[in-house]
Protein backbone atom coordinates (compact mmCIF):
# COMPACT_ATOMS: atom_id res chain seq x y z
CA MET A 1 4.39 -35.55 31.59
CA VAL A 2 5.37 -32.65 33.29
CA THR A 3 4.71 -29.32 30.79
CA LEU A 4 4.81 -25.80 31.56
CA PRO A 5 1.93 -23.42 30.67
CA PRO A 6 1.85 -21.32 27.40
CA TRP A 7 2.89 -18.45 28.69
CA ALA A 8 6.00 -19.60 30.57
CA ILE A 9 7.32 -21.38 27.35
CA ALA A 10 6.78 -18.31 25.57
CA ALA A 11 9.06 -16.42 28.40
CA SER A 12 11.53 -18.71 28.42
CA SER A 13 13.72 -17.21 25.93
CA ASP A 14 14.11 -13.89 28.05
CA TYR A 15 14.61 -16.05 31.29
CA PHE A 16 17.16 -18.44 29.98
CA SER A 17 19.09 -15.89 28.21
CA ARG A 18 19.58 -13.57 31.23
CA GLN A 19 22.64 -12.59 33.40
CA TYR A 20 21.99 -13.88 36.97
CA HIS A 21 24.66 -12.52 39.93
CA THR A 22 22.88 -12.32 43.05
CA ASP A 23 20.60 -14.51 45.52
CA ASP A 24 18.07 -11.50 44.77
CA GLU A 25 18.16 -11.39 41.09
CA MET A 26 17.26 -15.52 41.36
CA MET A 27 14.71 -15.06 43.98
CA SER A 28 13.18 -12.61 41.75
CA LEU A 29 12.58 -14.84 38.87
CA ALA A 30 11.02 -17.46 41.16
CA ILE A 31 8.83 -15.05 42.94
CA HIS A 32 7.78 -13.57 39.41
CA LEU A 33 6.87 -17.03 38.37
CA SER A 34 4.45 -17.48 41.63
CA ASP A 35 2.76 -14.13 40.60
CA ARG A 36 2.61 -14.76 36.77
CA ASN A 37 0.97 -18.18 37.78
CA ILE A 38 -1.75 -16.49 39.82
CA THR A 39 -1.82 -13.84 37.26
CA GLU A 40 -2.46 -16.25 34.20
CA GLY A 41 -4.63 -18.41 35.85
CA THR A 42 -2.51 -21.68 35.38
CA GLY A 43 -1.75 -22.85 38.92
CA GLY A 44 -0.96 -21.67 42.85
CA PRO A 45 1.28 -19.23 43.93
CA PHE A 46 4.29 -21.01 43.86
CA GLY A 47 7.62 -20.41 41.45
CA ALA A 48 10.91 -21.81 41.66
CA ALA A 49 13.84 -21.97 39.50
CA ILE A 50 17.13 -24.22 39.38
CA PHE A 51 20.80 -22.40 38.54
CA GLU A 52 23.87 -23.62 38.48
CA ARG A 53 26.87 -21.89 39.96
CA HIS A 54 29.85 -21.90 38.13
CA GLU A 55 33.22 -21.82 39.52
CA ASP A 56 33.97 -17.71 38.70
CA GLY A 57 30.85 -17.11 40.64
CA ARG A 58 28.35 -16.77 37.24
CA CYS A 59 25.04 -18.58 37.67
CA THR A 60 23.29 -19.87 34.92
CA LEU A 61 19.71 -21.23 34.90
CA VAL A 62 18.75 -24.69 34.28
CA SER A 63 15.19 -24.76 34.88
CA VAL A 64 11.99 -23.21 36.05
CA GLY A 65 8.74 -24.72 37.70
CA MET A 66 5.34 -23.15 39.15
CA ASN A 67 2.45 -25.16 40.77
CA ARG A 68 0.87 -27.15 37.99
CA VAL A 69 -1.55 -29.66 40.54
CA VAL A 70 -4.88 -28.11 39.05
CA PRO A 71 -4.14 -27.69 35.40
CA LEU A 72 -2.28 -31.14 34.93
CA GLY A 73 -4.55 -33.05 37.83
CA ASN A 74 -1.77 -34.08 39.76
CA SER A 75 -1.14 -33.62 43.12
CA THR A 76 2.82 -34.06 43.29
CA LEU A 77 3.14 -30.96 40.46
CA HIS A 78 4.28 -28.22 42.94
CA GLY A 79 6.83 -25.68 41.65
CA GLU A 80 10.04 -27.20 43.31
CA THR A 81 9.51 -30.63 41.85
CA VAL A 82 8.70 -29.41 38.25
CA ALA A 83 11.89 -27.51 38.43
CA ILE A 84 13.86 -30.54 39.49
CA GLN A 85 12.08 -32.79 36.63
CA LEU A 86 12.75 -30.43 33.96
CA ALA A 87 16.39 -29.91 35.51
CA GLN A 88 16.96 -33.52 35.73
CA ARG A 89 15.48 -34.00 32.12
CA LYS A 90 17.50 -31.27 30.91
CA ILE A 91 21.15 -32.49 32.11
CA GLY A 92 20.03 -36.46 31.35
CA SER A 93 20.74 -37.29 34.70
CA PHE A 94 18.78 -38.30 37.81
CA THR A 95 20.62 -36.47 40.29
CA LEU A 96 21.94 -32.61 40.15
CA SER A 97 25.21 -33.97 42.35
CA LEU A 98 27.53 -34.64 39.32
CA GLU A 99 31.05 -34.18 38.58
CA ASP A 100 31.82 -31.65 35.78
CA GLY A 101 31.03 -34.04 33.01
CA GLY A 102 28.30 -35.86 34.37
CA GLY A 103 25.17 -36.61 32.82
CA ASP A 104 24.68 -38.51 29.44
CA GLY A 105 25.40 -35.40 27.15
CA SER A 106 21.45 -34.74 26.30
CA GLU A 107 21.46 -31.63 27.49
CA HIS A 108 19.10 -29.17 25.90
CA ASP A 109 19.54 -25.48 25.87
CA ASP A 110 16.52 -24.40 27.71
CA GLY A 111 15.09 -26.94 30.22
CA LEU A 112 11.95 -27.76 28.49
CA PHE A 113 10.80 -31.20 27.22
CA TYR A 114 10.77 -31.99 23.51
CA GLU A 115 9.19 -34.97 22.06
CA GLU A 116 12.26 -36.80 21.90
CA ASP A 117 12.35 -36.67 25.95
CA THR A 118 8.60 -38.24 26.10
CA PRO A 119 7.92 -41.77 27.65
CA LYS A 120 6.99 -43.30 24.18
CA ALA A 121 10.38 -41.78 22.54
CA ALA A 122 12.27 -43.63 25.18
CA GLU A 123 10.53 -46.83 24.85
CA LYS A 124 11.77 -46.72 21.26
CA GLU A 125 15.18 -46.15 22.47
CA GLU A 126 15.56 -48.74 24.71
CA LYS A 127 14.81 -51.56 21.65
CA GLY A 128 17.24 -53.22 19.91
CA GLU A 129 17.19 -53.47 16.23
CA ASP A 130 15.66 -56.90 16.37
CA GLY A 131 12.89 -55.26 18.68
CA ALA A 132 13.68 -57.07 21.92
CA THR A 133 14.11 -54.32 24.67
CA THR A 134 17.74 -54.01 26.45
CA ASP A 135 18.35 -53.12 29.89
CA ASN A 136 20.43 -49.53 29.42
CA ALA A 137 20.53 -49.21 33.59
CA THR A 138 24.09 -50.08 33.59
CA THR A 139 25.00 -48.00 30.75
CA SER A 140 23.17 -44.90 31.74
CA GLY A 141 23.95 -44.92 35.27
CA ALA A 142 27.85 -45.37 34.70
CA ASP A 143 28.64 -41.71 33.21
CA VAL A 144 26.63 -40.09 36.42
CA CYS A 145 28.28 -42.49 39.05
CA THR A 146 31.99 -42.54 37.72
CA PRO A 147 34.31 -39.39 38.80
CA VAL A 148 35.90 -37.73 35.48
CA GLY A 149 38.32 -35.77 37.59
CA GLY A 150 36.23 -32.43 37.96
CA ARG A 151 34.87 -30.42 40.38
CA LYS A 152 31.59 -31.23 41.78
CA ARG A 153 28.81 -29.21 40.11
CA GLN A 154 26.82 -26.89 42.21
CA PHE A 155 22.82 -26.57 41.53
CA GLU A 156 20.93 -24.39 43.35
CA LEU A 157 16.91 -23.82 43.70
CA PHE A 158 15.46 -21.02 44.77
CA THR A 159 11.79 -21.02 45.57
CA SER A 160 9.16 -18.53 46.32
CA CYS A 161 8.13 -20.39 49.41
CA GLU A 162 9.50 -22.99 51.92
CA PRO A 163 9.20 -26.16 50.52
CA CYS A 164 6.25 -28.68 51.77
CA ALA A 165 7.60 -31.95 53.20
CA MET A 166 7.06 -33.83 49.77
CA CYS A 167 9.34 -30.77 47.97
CA LEU A 168 12.00 -30.81 50.55
CA GLY A 169 12.24 -34.67 50.32
CA ALA A 170 12.57 -34.70 46.19
CA THR A 171 15.04 -31.47 46.91
CA LEU A 172 17.01 -33.77 49.29
CA TRP A 173 16.98 -37.04 46.99
CA SER A 174 17.51 -34.68 43.59
CA GLY A 175 21.25 -33.59 45.08
CA VAL A 176 20.84 -30.00 44.81
CA SER A 177 23.32 -28.24 47.03
CA ARG A 178 21.39 -25.30 48.38
CA VAL A 179 18.00 -24.14 48.86
CA VAL A 180 17.02 -20.35 48.94
CA CYS A 181 13.25 -19.58 50.20
CA GLY A 182 11.27 -16.50 49.45
CA ALA A 183 8.77 -17.04 52.07
CA THR A 184 7.60 -19.38 54.87
CA ASN A 185 4.67 -21.89 54.60
CA TYR A 186 2.56 -19.86 56.97
CA GLU A 187 3.20 -16.88 54.32
CA GLY A 188 2.49 -19.28 51.40
CA ARG A 189 -0.63 -20.95 53.11
CA ARG A 190 -2.00 -17.70 53.31
CA ALA A 191 -1.36 -16.74 50.11
CA GLY A 192 -2.68 -19.92 48.66
CA ASP A 193 -5.89 -19.76 50.35
CA TRP A 194 -7.66 -18.57 47.22
CA VAL A 195 -7.28 -22.33 45.83
CA ARG A 196 -10.25 -23.00 49.08
């Protein structure tokens, strides 16, 4: 299961309570996450944040992510993929390309994982009263795929560094509508040389 380091969990109320109006403010958070991840020794110099842009131009933070490869022993846990997984969990959908009202209604306020979000909890939910496993694929996907007449929700990924091929693929598959990068891959590799 993807988890954030303790410092990020402790700071999350500050991150989620802020007002974000400009790309610079949103990018500042991604860079801050990157810098703090190095300072705290909890991963590489890569941070990401996903925001939802509303019709009135206001942006709300949906999730944050930072490189968790080394501490969690998983080479796929780059900042972008962590932020995507947490955003998907928060909105209750595998896609960030929803009509207003889409998702399964299980959104959490802060984009963090809770015990009921764990695979064991999901297993319990999938078992019927008689203990038989039910097929939730048709019902859970219905809300996501059925247009509800609203506008498409706009989720934007701000990342401290240009996404690698894996993160770019995950970003495209997730349905993020816009990606804003702070540094090139070359600059990111130079910053990441401390790992070697």
